[in-house]
Amino acid sequence: MKQIADELRQAGIEKVWTNEPLANHTTWRIGGPADLFIQPKDKESLKAALQIIHRHEIPWSVIGRGSNLLVRDGGIRGAVLKVAEGLSHCEFRGEEVCVGAGYSMIRLAMETGKMGLTGMEFAGGIPGTVGGAVYMNAGAHGSDLSRILIDAEILFENGETKVLTNEEMSFTYRTSLLQKRRGIALEARFQLRKGDRKEIAATLAANKERRRLTQPLQMPCAGSVFRNPPGDHAGRLIEAAGLKGYQIGGAQVSEKHSNFIVNCGGATATDVLTLINYIRSTIMSKFGIDLHPEVLVVGEG
């Protein structure tokens, strides 16, 4: 990997590390090392990095700010591309906004509100990046990304770059085309509409206060762990099963919100996965409902 790291640096990609602990790059503060860790500075360096990776035929993964992600304790073999600061541009064009994949969703919600544009208020508590939100069709407060996305620029595994429309992204609940066809979101364009700045600010503030009161924001976590089953809420089911506060190793079902698992200190990915499986089996035995994880699990045990 050192040889490939040197080649990447020679290609002008300066931020390259070997054996980088991914616990430093996930909101759970959990995860073993990546053989090769790369932070491209822009689209061109990302494409160049992917070309070099393909030439050496090594596997690759991509992360943003590491929310909604569980990296197993053995880490990730091959290369991990971190798309964050390098693709964090934001341009307003009337009621449209064009945003780089590395831009923070929370920041985007705040900036659009300041511009008097409504439609992005739901994103005020989503801790990830635009790219991750496109991948997951992220949502909250009764809305999601699919309702406002015009199109997204995608870099596919074969090196081809395409701009895909909302329809072509095949959005459904917490899923998109990118979960079926490997690619990296580079940029997204959103359609918003004019609104009242005070009303938008009030909605964002109310949502923020609600999160403060109901979510364990002071502890390392990854957001909601399970998808809500049709007609119900995963958190309600977990609490009804008596699992609020249940702990395995350093991983605990949050005392504030039962659909959050928090790292109480020293939690491993094994702790979290064991707890996830215990929750699933308990909910199945008590209610006959199979909860499906919303978090992405990657890497080796």
C-alpha atoms as a PDB file:
ATOM      1  CA  MET A   1       0.000   0.000   0.000  1.00  0.00           C
ATOM      2  CA  LYS A   2       2.931   2.352   0.580  1.00  0.00           C
ATOM      3  CA  GLN A   3       3.794   2.201  -3.120  1.00  0.00           C
ATOM      4  CA  ILE A   4       0.242   3.111  -4.091  1.00  0.00           C
ATOM      5  CA  ALA A   5       0.201   5.897  -1.478  1.00  0.00           C
ATOM      6  CA  ASP A   6       3.385   7.320  -3.020  1.00  0.00           C
ATOM      7  CA  GLU A   7       1.843   7.136  -6.484  1.00  0.00           C
ATOM      8  CA  LEU A   8      -1.249   9.006  -5.270  1.00  0.00           C
ATOM      9  CA  ARG A   9       0.928  11.744  -3.762  1.00  0.00           C
ATOM     10  CA  GLN A  10       2.889  12.025  -7.007  1.00  0.00           C
ATOM     11  CA  ALA A  11      -0.446  12.552  -8.778  1.00  0.00           C
ATOM     12  CA  GLY A  12      -1.051  15.600  -6.557  1.00  0.00           C
ATOM     13  CA  ILE A  13      -3.276  13.899  -3.985  1.00  0.00           C
ATOM     14  CA  GLU A  14      -1.579  15.006  -0.778  1.00  0.00           C
ATOM     15  CA  LYS A  15      -3.866  13.670   1.946  1.00  0.00           C
ATOM     16  CA  VAL A  16      -3.078   9.958   1.899  1.00  0.00           C
ATOM     17  CA  TRP A  17      -2.445   7.696   4.905  1.00  0.00           C
ATOM     18  CA  THR A  18      -1.900   3.979   5.420  1.00  0.00           C
ATOM     19  CA  ASN A  19      -3.442   1.981   8.289  1.00  0.00           C
ATOM     20  CA  GLU A  20      -5.634   4.928   9.312  1.00  0.00           C
ATOM     21  CA  PRO A  21      -8.014   4.125  12.237  1.00  0.00           C
ATOM     22  CA  LEU A  22     -11.549   4.706  10.984  1.00  0.00           C
ATOM     23  CA  ALA A  23     -12.718   5.338  14.542  1.00  0.00           C
ATOM     24  CA  ASN A  24     -11.269   8.820  13.899  1.00  0.00           C
ATOM     25  CA  HIS A  25     -13.702   9.306  11.015  1.00  0.00           C
ATOM     26  CA  THR A  26     -17.052   7.940  12.249  1.00  0.00           C
ATOM     27  CA  THR A  27     -19.574   9.589  14.557  1.00  0.00           C
ATOM     28  CA  TRP A  28     -19.770   6.356  16.592  1.00  0.00           C
ATOM     29  CA  ARG A  29     -15.998   6.666  17.226  1.00  0.00           C
ATOM     30  CA  ILE A  30     -15.755   2.989  16.274  1.00  0.00           C
ATOM     31  CA  GLY A  31     -13.872   1.213  13.495  1.00  0.00           C
ATOM     32  CA  GLY A  32     -10.660  -0.610  12.655  1.00  0.00           C
ATOM     33  CA  PRO A  33      -8.022   0.686  10.222  1.00  0.00           C
ATOM     34  CA  ALA A  34      -8.249   1.314   6.484  1.00  0.00           C
ATOM     35  CA  ASP A  35      -5.306  -0.070   4.517  1.00  0.00           C
ATOM     36  CA  LEU A  36      -5.284   3.145   2.493  1.00  0.00           C
ATOM     37  CA  PHE A  37      -7.135   6.333   3.420  1.00  0.00           C
ATOM     38  CA  ILE A  38      -7.520   9.123   0.854  1.00  0.00           C
ATOM     39  CA  GLN A  39      -9.029  12.616   1.139  1.00  0.00           C
ATOM     40  CA  PRO A  40      -9.314  14.082  -2.388  1.00  0.00           C
ATOM     41  CA  LYS A  41      -9.233  17.869  -2.575  1.00  0.00           C
ATOM     42  CA  ASP A  42     -11.705  18.175  -5.487  1.00  0.00           C
ATOM     43  CA  LYS A  43     -13.561  16.239  -8.203  1.00  0.00           C
ATOM     44  CA  GLU A  44     -10.502  15.907 -10.407  1.00  0.00           C
ATOM     45  CA  SER A  45      -8.320  14.445  -7.655  1.00  0.00           C
ATOM     46  CA  LEU A  46     -11.146  12.057  -6.708  1.00  0.00           C
ATOM     47  CA  LYS A  47     -11.340  10.809 -10.303  1.00  0.00           C
ATOM     48  CA  ALA A  48      -7.538  10.501 -10.460  1.00  0.00           C
ATOM     49  CA  ALA A  49      -7.491   8.532  -7.205  1.00  0.00           C
ATOM     50  CA  LEU A  50     -10.164   6.151  -8.491  1.00  0.00           C
ATOM     51  CA  GLN A  51      -8.172   5.579 -11.693  1.00  0.00           C
ATOM     52  CA  ILE A  52      -5.046   4.674  -9.711  1.00  0.00           C
ATOM     53  CA  ILE A  53      -7.061   2.390  -7.419  1.00  0.00           C
ATOM     54  CA  HIS A  54      -8.531   0.606 -10.444  1.00  0.00           C
ATOM     55  CA  ARG A  55      -5.138   0.247 -12.080  1.00  0.00           C
ATOM     56  CA  HIS A  56      -3.863  -1.571  -9.012  1.00  0.00           C
ATOM     57  CA  GLU A  57      -7.106  -3.588  -8.772  1.00  0.00           C
ATOM     58  CA  ILE A  58      -7.657  -2.905  -5.078  1.00  0.00           C
ATOM     59  CA  PRO A  59     -11.137  -2.700  -3.528  1.00  0.00           C
ATOM     60  CA  TRP A  60     -12.457   0.702  -2.508  1.00  0.00           C
ATOM     61  CA  SER A  61     -15.118   2.261  -0.301  1.00  0.00           C
ATOM     62  CA  VAL A  62     -16.329   5.823   0.175  1.00  0.00           C
ATOM     63  CA  ILE A  63     -17.389   7.704   3.305  1.00  0.00           C
ATOM     64  CA  GLY A  64     -18.492  11.230   4.120  1.00  0.00           C
ATOM     65  CA  ARG A  65     -18.546  12.448   7.710  1.00  0.00           C
ATOM     66  CA  GLY A  66     -18.995   8.916   9.018  1.00  0.00           C
ATOM     67  CA  SER A  67     -22.557   9.182  10.330  1.00  0.00           C
ATOM     68  CA  ASN A  68     -24.985   6.308   9.734  1.00  0.00           C
ATOM     69  CA  LEU A  69     -21.928   4.054   9.393  1.00  0.00           C
ATOM     70  CA  LEU A  70     -20.542   1.155  11.422  1.00  0.00           C
ATOM     71  CA  VAL A  71     -17.030   0.000  10.532  1.00  0.00           C
ATOM     72  CA  ARG A  72     -16.216  -3.449  11.862  1.00  0.00           C
ATOM     73  CA  ASP A  73     -13.272  -3.907  14.227  1.00  0.00           C
ATOM     74  CA  GLY A  74     -11.013  -5.476  11.581  1.00  0.00           C
ATOM     75  CA  GLY A  75     -11.224  -2.333   9.483  1.00  0.00           C
ATOM     76  CA  ILE A  76     -11.509  -2.060   5.706  1.00  0.00           C
ATOM     77  CA  ARG A  77      -9.192  -3.749   3.243  1.00  0.00           C
ATOM     78  CA  GLY A  78      -8.185  -1.699   0.241  1.00  0.00           C
ATOM     79  CA  ALA A  79      -8.800   2.028  -0.114  1.00  0.00           C
ATOM     80  CA  VAL A  80     -11.262   4.330   1.639  1.00  0.00           C
ATOM     81  CA  LEU A  81     -12.070   7.623  -0.076  1.00  0.00           C
ATOM     82  CA  LYS A  82     -13.321  10.348   2.241  1.00  0.00           C
ATOM     83  CA  VAL A  83     -15.535  12.820   0.388  1.00  0.00           C
ATOM     84  CA  ALA A  84     -15.937  15.782   2.699  1.00  0.00           C
ATOM     85  CA  GLU A  85     -14.010  19.061   2.726  1.00  0.00           C
ATOM     86  CA  GLY A  86     -12.801  18.595  -0.862  1.00  0.00           C
ATOM     87  CA  LEU A  87     -16.303  18.741  -2.339  1.00  0.00           C
ATOM     88  CA  SER A  88     -17.973  21.321  -0.124  1.00  0.00           C
ATOM     89  CA  HIS A  89     -19.027  24.094  -2.505  1.00  0.00           C
ATOM     90  CA  CYS A  90     -22.505  25.647  -2.437  1.00  0.00           C
ATOM     91  CA  GLU A  91     -24.007  27.916  -5.111  1.00  0.00           C
ATOM     92  CA  PHE A  92     -27.444  29.530  -5.089  1.00  0.00           C
ATOM     93  CA  ARG A  93     -29.233  30.062  -8.402  1.00  0.00           C
ATOM     94  CA  GLY A  94     -32.525  31.710  -7.621  1.00  0.00           C
ATOM     95  CA  GLU A  95     -34.695  29.058  -5.998  1.00  0.00           C
ATOM     96  CA  GLU A  96     -32.202  26.313  -6.887  1.00  0.00           C
ATOM     97  CA  VAL A  97     -29.078  25.399  -4.959  1.00  0.00           C
ATOM     98  CA  CYS A  98     -26.146  23.375  -6.325  1.00  0.00           C
ATOM     99  CA  VAL A  99     -24.095  21.685  -3.604  1.00  0.00           C
ATOM    100  CA  GLY A 100     -20.967  19.549  -3.443  1.00  0.00           C
ATOM    101  CA  ALA A 101     -21.271  16.043  -1.994  1.00  0.00           C
ATOM    102  CA  GLY A 102     -19.050  16.916   0.959  1.00  0.00           C
ATOM    103  CA  TYR A 103     -21.247  19.794   2.166  1.00  0.00           C
ATOM    104  CA  SER A 104     -22.857  19.384   5.593  1.00  0.00           C
ATOM    105  CA  MET A 105     -26.625  18.809   5.510  1.00  0.00           C
ATOM    106  CA  ILE A 106     -27.089  20.757   8.743  1.00  0.00           C
ATOM    107  CA  ARG A 107     -25.154  23.700   7.347  1.00  0.00           C
ATOM    108  CA  LEU A 108     -27.139  23.528   4.106  1.00  0.00           C
ATOM    109  CA  ALA A 109     -30.425  23.694   6.012  1.00  0.00           C
ATOM    110  CA  MET A 110     -29.194  26.768   7.878  1.00  0.00           C
ATOM    111  CA  GLU A 111     -27.836  28.509   4.749  1.00  0.00           C
ATOM    112  CA  THR A 112     -30.976  27.948   2.682  1.00  0.00           C
ATOM    113  CA  GLY A 113     -33.049  29.283   5.569  1.00  0.00           C
ATOM    114  CA  LYS A 114     -30.938  32.432   5.704  1.00  0.00           C
ATOM    115  CA  MET A 115     -31.597  32.895   1.983  1.00  0.00           C
ATOM    116  CA  GLY A 116     -35.347  32.712   2.634  1.00  0.00           C
ATOM    117  CA  LEU A 117     -35.706  29.388   0.817  1.00  0.00           C
ATOM    118  CA  THR A 118     -37.952  26.687   2.227  1.00  0.00           C
ATOM    119  CA  GLY A 119     -37.923  22.925   1.645  1.00  0.00           C
ATOM    120  CA  MET A 120     -34.696  21.988   3.404  1.00  0.00           C
ATOM    121  CA  GLU A 121     -35.887  22.396   7.009  1.00  0.00           C
ATOM    122  CA  PHE A 122     -36.128  18.612   7.505  1.00  0.00           C
ATOM    123  CA  ALA A 123     -32.342  18.360   7.056  1.00  0.00           C
ATOM    124  CA  GLY A 124     -31.493  20.578  10.030  1.00  0.00           C
ATOM    125  CA  GLY A 125     -30.680  17.554  12.190  1.00  0.00           C
ATOM    126  CA  ILE A 126     -29.119  15.192   9.639  1.00  0.00           C
ATOM    127  CA  PRO A 127     -25.452  14.955  10.682  1.00  0.00           C
ATOM    128  CA  GLY A 128     -23.999  13.678   7.401  1.00  0.00           C
ATOM    129  CA  THR A 129     -23.045  15.125   4.046  1.00  0.00           C
ATOM    130  CA  VAL A 130     -25.059  15.779   0.907  1.00  0.00           C
ATOM    131  CA  GLY A 131     -23.416  12.785  -0.767  1.00  0.00           C
ATOM    132  CA  GLY A 132     -24.410  10.448   2.044  1.00  0.00           C
ATOM    133  CA  ALA A 133     -27.914  11.896   2.040  1.00  0.00           C
ATOM    134  CA  VAL A 134     -28.237  11.214  -1.692  1.00  0.00           C
ATOM    135  CA  TYR A 135     -27.011   7.642  -1.172  1.00  0.00           C
ATOM    136  CA  MET A 136     -29.499   6.990   1.654  1.00  0.00           C
ATOM    137  CA  ASN A 137     -32.358   9.273   0.533  1.00  0.00           C
ATOM    138  CA  ALA A 138     -32.010  10.754   4.006  1.00  0.00           C
ATOM    139  CA  GLY A 139     -35.060  12.231   5.656  1.00  0.00           C
ATOM    140  CA  ALA A 140     -36.684  13.458   8.859  1.00  0.00           C
ATOM    141  CA  HIS A 141     -39.800  15.277  10.068  1.00  0.00           C
ATOM    142  CA  GLY A 142     -41.995  13.789   7.344  1.00  0.00           C
ATOM    143  CA  SER A 143     -39.812  14.752   4.390  1.00  0.00           C
ATOM    144  CA  ASP A 144     -36.756  13.433   2.587  1.00  0.00           C
ATOM    145  CA  LEU A 145     -34.215  14.262  -0.088  1.00  0.00           C
ATOM    146  CA  SER A 146     -36.239  12.796  -2.960  1.00  0.00           C
ATOM    147  CA  ARG A 147     -38.848  15.551  -2.572  1.00  0.00           C
ATOM    148  CA  ILE A 148     -36.445  18.355  -3.447  1.00  0.00           C
ATOM    149  CA  LEU A 149     -33.650  16.822  -5.563  1.00  0.00           C
ATOM    150  CA  ILE A 150     -33.590  17.890  -9.216  1.00  0.00           C
ATOM    151  CA  ASP A 151     -30.563  15.832 -10.255  1.00  0.00           C
ATOM    152  CA  ALA A 152     -27.234  14.505  -9.020  1.00  0.00           C
ATOM    153  CA  GLU A 153     -23.835  14.156 -10.652  1.00  0.00           C
ATOM    154  CA  ILE A 154     -22.537  10.626 -10.110  1.00  0.00           C
ATOM    155  CA  LEU A 155     -19.065   9.171 -10.696  1.00  0.00           C
ATOM    156  CA  PHE A 156     -19.564   5.482 -11.446  1.00  0.00           C
ATOM    157  CA  GLU A 157     -17.085   2.702 -10.751  1.00  0.00           C
ATOM    158  CA  ASN A 158     -16.058   2.467 -14.421  1.00  0.00           C
ATOM    159  CA  GLY A 159     -14.942   6.124 -14.365  1.00  0.00           C
ATOM    160  CA  GLU A 160     -18.011   7.407 -16.208  1.00  0.00           C
ATOM    161  CA  THR A 161     -19.624  10.584 -14.869  1.00  0.00           C
ATOM    162  CA  LYS A 162     -23.350  11.110 -15.392  1.00  0.00           C
ATOM    163  CA  VAL A 163     -25.979  13.586 -14.230  1.00  0.00           C
ATOM    164  CA  LEU A 164     -29.029  11.567 -13.161  1.00  0.00           C
ATOM    165  CA  THR A 165     -32.514  12.997 -12.713  1.00  0.00           C
ATOM    166  CA  ASN A 166     -34.586  12.462  -9.578  1.00  0.00           C
ATOM    167  CA  GLU A 167     -36.477   9.669 -11.352  1.00  0.00           C
ATOM    168  CA  GLU A 168     -33.257   7.998 -12.519  1.00  0.00           C
ATOM    169  CA  MET A 169     -31.986   7.930  -8.922  1.00  0.00           C
ATOM    170  CA  SER A 170     -34.750   5.380  -8.114  1.00  0.00           C
ATOM    171  CA  PHE A 171     -35.451   6.792  -4.656  1.00  0.00           C
ATOM    172  CA  THR A 172     -37.555   4.855  -2.178  1.00  0.00           C
ATOM    173  CA  TYR A 173     -37.574   4.926   1.633  1.00  0.00           C
ATOM    174  CA  ARG A 174     -33.900   5.289   2.674  1.00  0.00           C
ATOM    175  CA  THR A 175     -32.657   3.829  -0.603  1.00  0.00           C
ATOM    176  CA  SER A 176     -31.381   5.018  -3.964  1.00  0.00           C
ATOM    177  CA  LEU A 177     -29.802   3.709  -7.159  1.00  0.00           C
ATOM    178  CA  LEU A 178     -26.372   3.975  -5.491  1.00  0.00           C
ATOM    179  CA  GLN A 179     -27.227   1.058  -3.227  1.00  0.00           C
ATOM    180  CA  LYS A 180     -27.628  -1.103  -6.335  1.00  0.00           C
ATOM    181  CA  ARG A 181     -25.006   0.350  -8.698  1.00  0.00           C
ATOM    182  CA  ARG A 182     -21.630   1.429  -7.313  1.00  0.00           C
ATOM    183  CA  GLY A 183     -20.910   5.089  -7.671  1.00  0.00           C
ATOM    184  CA  ILE A 184     -19.994   8.255  -5.800  1.00  0.00           C
ATOM    185  CA  ALA A 185     -22.232  11.317  -5.614  1.00  0.00           C
ATOM    186  CA  LEU A 186     -20.188  14.376  -6.593  1.00  0.00           C
ATOM    187  CA  GLU A 187     -22.819  17.098  -6.584  1.00  0.00           C
ATOM    188  CA  ALA A 188     -26.563  17.572  -6.144  1.00  0.00           C
ATOM    189  CA  ARG A 189     -29.027  20.201  -7.317  1.00  0.00           C
ATOM    190  CA  PHE A 190     -32.112  21.003  -5.234  1.00  0.00           C
ATOM    191  CA  GLN A 191     -35.356  22.799  -6.044  1.00  0.00           C
ATOM    192  CA  LEU A 192     -36.537  24.980  -3.175  1.00  0.00           C
ATOM    193  CA  ARG A 193     -39.092  27.782  -3.037  1.00  0.00           C
ATOM    194  CA  LYS A 194     -39.341  31.207  -1.500  1.00  0.00           C
ATOM    195  CA  GLY A 195     -40.519  31.296   2.092  1.00  0.00           C
ATOM    196  CA  ASP A 196     -40.622  33.494   5.159  1.00  0.00           C
ATOM    197  CA  ARG A 197     -37.210  33.691   6.845  1.00  0.00           C
ATOM    198  CA  LYS A 198     -38.717  33.989  10.320  1.00  0.00           C
ATOM    199  CA  GLU A 199     -40.969  30.976   9.821  1.00  0.00           C
ATOM    200  CA  ILE A 200     -38.110  28.891   8.454  1.00  0.00           C
ATOM    201  CA  ALA A 201     -35.864  29.903  11.352  1.00  0.00           C
ATOM    202  CA  ALA A 202     -38.617  29.069  13.832  1.00  0.00           C
ATOM    203  CA  THR A 203     -39.096  25.594  12.301  1.00  0.00           C
ATOM    204  CA  LEU A 204     -35.354  24.906  12.399  1.00  0.00           C
ATOM    205  CA  ALA A 205     -35.143  26.095  16.006  1.00  0.00           C
ATOM    206  CA  ALA A 206     -38.134  23.973  17.065  1.00  0.00           C
ATOM    207  CA  ASN A 207     -36.680  20.885  15.376  1.00  0.00           C
ATOM    208  CA  LYS A 208     -33.313  21.536  17.016  1.00  0.00           C
ATOM    209  CA  GLU A 209     -34.892  21.851  20.455  1.00  0.00           C
ATOM    210  CA  ARG A 210     -36.868  18.664  19.909  1.00  0.00           C
ATOM    211  CA  ARG A 211     -33.662  16.809  19.009  1.00  0.00           C
ATOM    212  CA  ARG A 212     -31.895  18.239  22.060  1.00  0.00           C
ATOM    213  CA  LEU A 213     -34.638  16.940  24.324  1.00  0.00           C
ATOM    214  CA  THR A 214     -35.130  13.540  22.699  1.00  0.00           C
ATOM    215  CA  GLN A 215     -31.802  12.481  21.152  1.00  0.00           C
ATOM    216  CA  PRO A 216     -28.441  11.624  22.783  1.00  0.00           C
ATOM    217  CA  LEU A 217     -26.507  14.301  20.909  1.00  0.00           C
ATOM    218  CA  GLN A 218     -23.786  14.529  23.582  1.00  0.00           C
ATOM    219  CA  MET A 219     -22.698  10.897  23.100  1.00  0.00           C
ATOM    220  CA  PRO A 220     -21.046   9.185  20.126  1.00  0.00           C
ATOM    221  CA  CYS A 221     -23.808   7.664  17.997  1.00  0.00           C
ATOM    222  CA  ALA A 222     -24.759   7.246  14.354  1.00  0.00           C
ATOM    223  CA  GLY A 223     -28.346   8.486  14.241  1.00  0.00           C
ATOM    224  CA  SER A 224     -31.314   6.146  13.935  1.00  0.00           C
ATOM    225  CA  VAL A 225     -30.193   2.520  13.854  1.00  0.00           C
ATOM    226  CA  PHE A 226     -33.339   0.895  12.404  1.00  0.00           C
ATOM    227  CA  ARG A 227     -35.724   1.830   9.627  1.00  0.00           C
ATOM    228  CA  ASN A 228     -39.267   2.472  10.803  1.00  0.00           C
ATOM    229  CA  PRO A 229     -41.539  -0.451   9.897  1.00  0.00           C
ATOM    230  CA  PRO A 230     -44.735   0.410   7.978  1.00  0.00           C
ATOM    231  CA  GLY A 231     -47.237   2.140  10.262  1.00  0.00           C
ATOM    232  CA  ASP A 232     -45.011   2.135  13.334  1.00  0.00           C
ATOM    233  CA  HIS A 233     -41.773   3.483  14.810  1.00  0.00           C
ATOM    234  CA  ALA A 234     -38.724   1.391  15.618  1.00  0.00           C
ATOM    235  CA  GLY A 235     -38.055   3.441  18.767  1.00  0.00           C
ATOM    236  CA  ARG A 236     -41.551   2.785  20.107  1.00  0.00           C
ATOM    237  CA  LEU A 237     -41.203  -0.966  19.563  1.00  0.00           C
ATOM    238  CA  ILE A 238     -37.763  -1.110  21.214  1.00  0.00           C
ATOM    239  CA  GLU A 239     -38.988   0.842  24.234  1.00  0.00           C
ATOM    240  CA  ALA A 240     -42.164  -1.272  24.467  1.00  0.00           C
ATOM    241  CA  ALA A 241     -39.949  -4.363  24.544  1.00  0.00           C
ATOM    242  CA  GLY A 242     -38.219  -2.975  27.652  1.00  0.00           C
ATOM    243  CA  LEU A 243     -34.868  -2.479  25.940  1.00  0.00           C
ATOM    244  CA  LYS A 244     -34.309   1.222  26.663  1.00  0.00           C
ATOM    245  CA  GLY A 245     -30.936   1.417  28.440  1.00  0.00           C
ATOM    246  CA  TYR A 246     -30.037  -2.204  27.619  1.00  0.00           C
ATOM    247  CA  GLN A 247     -26.262  -2.510  27.255  1.00  0.00           C
ATOM    248  CA  ILE A 248     -23.773  -4.946  25.766  1.00  0.00           C
ATOM    249  CA  GLY A 249     -20.134  -4.059  26.341  1.00  0.00           C
ATOM    250  CA  GLY A 250     -19.733  -0.357  25.646  1.00  0.00           C
ATOM    251  CA  ALA A 251     -22.829  -0.161  23.411  1.00  0.00           C
ATOM    252  CA  GLN A 252     -26.138   0.899  24.933  1.00  0.00           C
ATOM    253  CA  VAL A 253     -29.690   1.518  23.739  1.00  0.00           C
ATOM    254  CA  SER A 254     -30.011   5.227  24.464  1.00  0.00           C
ATOM    255  CA  GLU A 255     -31.968   6.279  27.545  1.00  0.00           C
ATOM    256  CA  LYS A 256     -33.225   9.265  25.530  1.00  0.00           C
ATOM    257  CA  HIS A 257     -34.237   7.623  22.250  1.00  0.00           C
ATOM    258  CA  SER A 258     -34.611   3.870  21.860  1.00  0.00           C
ATOM    259  CA  ASN A 259     -33.715   3.875  18.152  1.00  0.00           C
ATOM    260  CA  PHE A 260     -30.251   5.223  18.960  1.00  0.00           C
ATOM    261  CA  ILE A 261     -27.318   3.106  20.137  1.00  0.00           C
ATOM    262  CA  VAL A 262     -24.644   5.101  21.940  1.00  0.00           C
ATOM    263  CA  ASN A 263     -20.980   4.435  22.589  1.00  0.00           C
ATOM    264  CA  CYS A 264     -20.667   4.689  26.371  1.00  0.00           C
ATOM    265  CA  GLY A 265     -16.888   4.419  26.147  1.00  0.00           C
ATOM    266  CA  GLY A 266     -14.737   1.775  24.530  1.00  0.00           C
ATOM    267  CA  ALA A 267     -17.558   0.229  22.517  1.00  0.00           C
ATOM    268  CA  THR A 268     -16.491  -2.049  19.686  1.00  0.00           C
ATOM    269  CA  ALA A 269     -18.301  -2.764  16.452  1.00  0.00           C
ATOM    270  CA  THR A 270     -18.855  -6.280  17.795  1.00  0.00           C
ATOM    271  CA  ASP A 271     -20.667  -4.799  20.805  1.00  0.00           C
ATOM    272  CA  VAL A 272     -22.922  -2.754  18.526  1.00  0.00           C
ATOM    273  CA  LEU A 273     -23.650  -5.634  16.139  1.00  0.00           C
ATOM    274  CA  THR A 274     -24.408  -7.992  19.034  1.00  0.00           C
ATOM    275  CA  LEU A 275     -26.804  -5.402  20.465  1.00  0.00           C
ATOM    276  CA  ILE A 276     -28.451  -4.852  17.062  1.00  0.00           C
ATOM    277  CA  ASN A 277     -29.009  -8.593  16.656  1.00  0.00           C
ATOM    278  CA  TYR A 278     -30.381  -8.875  20.199  1.00  0.00           C
ATOM    279  CA  ILE A 279     -32.833  -6.037  19.557  1.00  0.00           C
ATOM    280  CA  ARG A 280     -33.967  -7.614  16.269  1.00  0.00           C
ATOM    281  CA  SER A 281     -34.549 -11.039  17.814  1.00  0.00           C
ATOM    282  CA  THR A 282     -36.397  -9.526  20.792  1.00  0.00           C
ATOM    283  CA  ILE A 283     -38.716  -7.430  18.604  1.00  0.00           C
ATOM    284  CA  MET A 284     -39.381 -10.422  16.358  1.00  0.00           C
ATOM    285  CA  SER A 285     -40.254 -12.691  19.301  1.00  0.00           C
ATOM    286  CA  LYS A 286     -42.448 -10.095  21.048  1.00  0.00           C
ATOM    287  CA  PHE A 287     -44.175  -8.412  18.097  1.00  0.00           C
ATOM    288  CA  GLY A 288     -43.468 -10.551  15.029  1.00  0.00           C
ATOM    289  CA  ILE A 289     -41.793  -7.598  13.312  1.00  0.00           C
ATOM    290  CA  ASP A 290     -38.381  -7.812  11.648  1.00  0.00           C
ATOM    291  CA  LEU A 291     -36.544  -4.522  12.147  1.00  0.00           C
ATOM    292  CA  HIS A 292     -34.137  -3.689   9.355  1.00  0.00           C
ATOM    293  CA  PRO A 293     -30.985  -1.695  10.182  1.00  0.00           C
ATOM    294  CA  GLU A 294     -30.674   1.736   8.614  1.00  0.00           C
ATOM    295  CA  VAL A 295     -26.962   2.031   9.365  1.00  0.00           C
ATOM    296  CA  LEU A 296     -24.475   0.787   6.800  1.00  0.00           C
ATOM    297  CA  VAL A 297     -22.169  -1.933   8.132  1.00  0.00           C
ATOM    298  CA  VAL A 298     -18.806  -2.296   6.366  1.00  0.00           C
ATOM    299  CA  GLY A 299     -15.408  -3.859   6.893  1.00  0.00           C
ATOM    300  CA  GLU A 300     -14.094  -7.064   8.421  1.00  0.00           C
ATOM    301  CA  GLY A 301     -14.687  -8.596  11.806  1.00  0.00           C
END
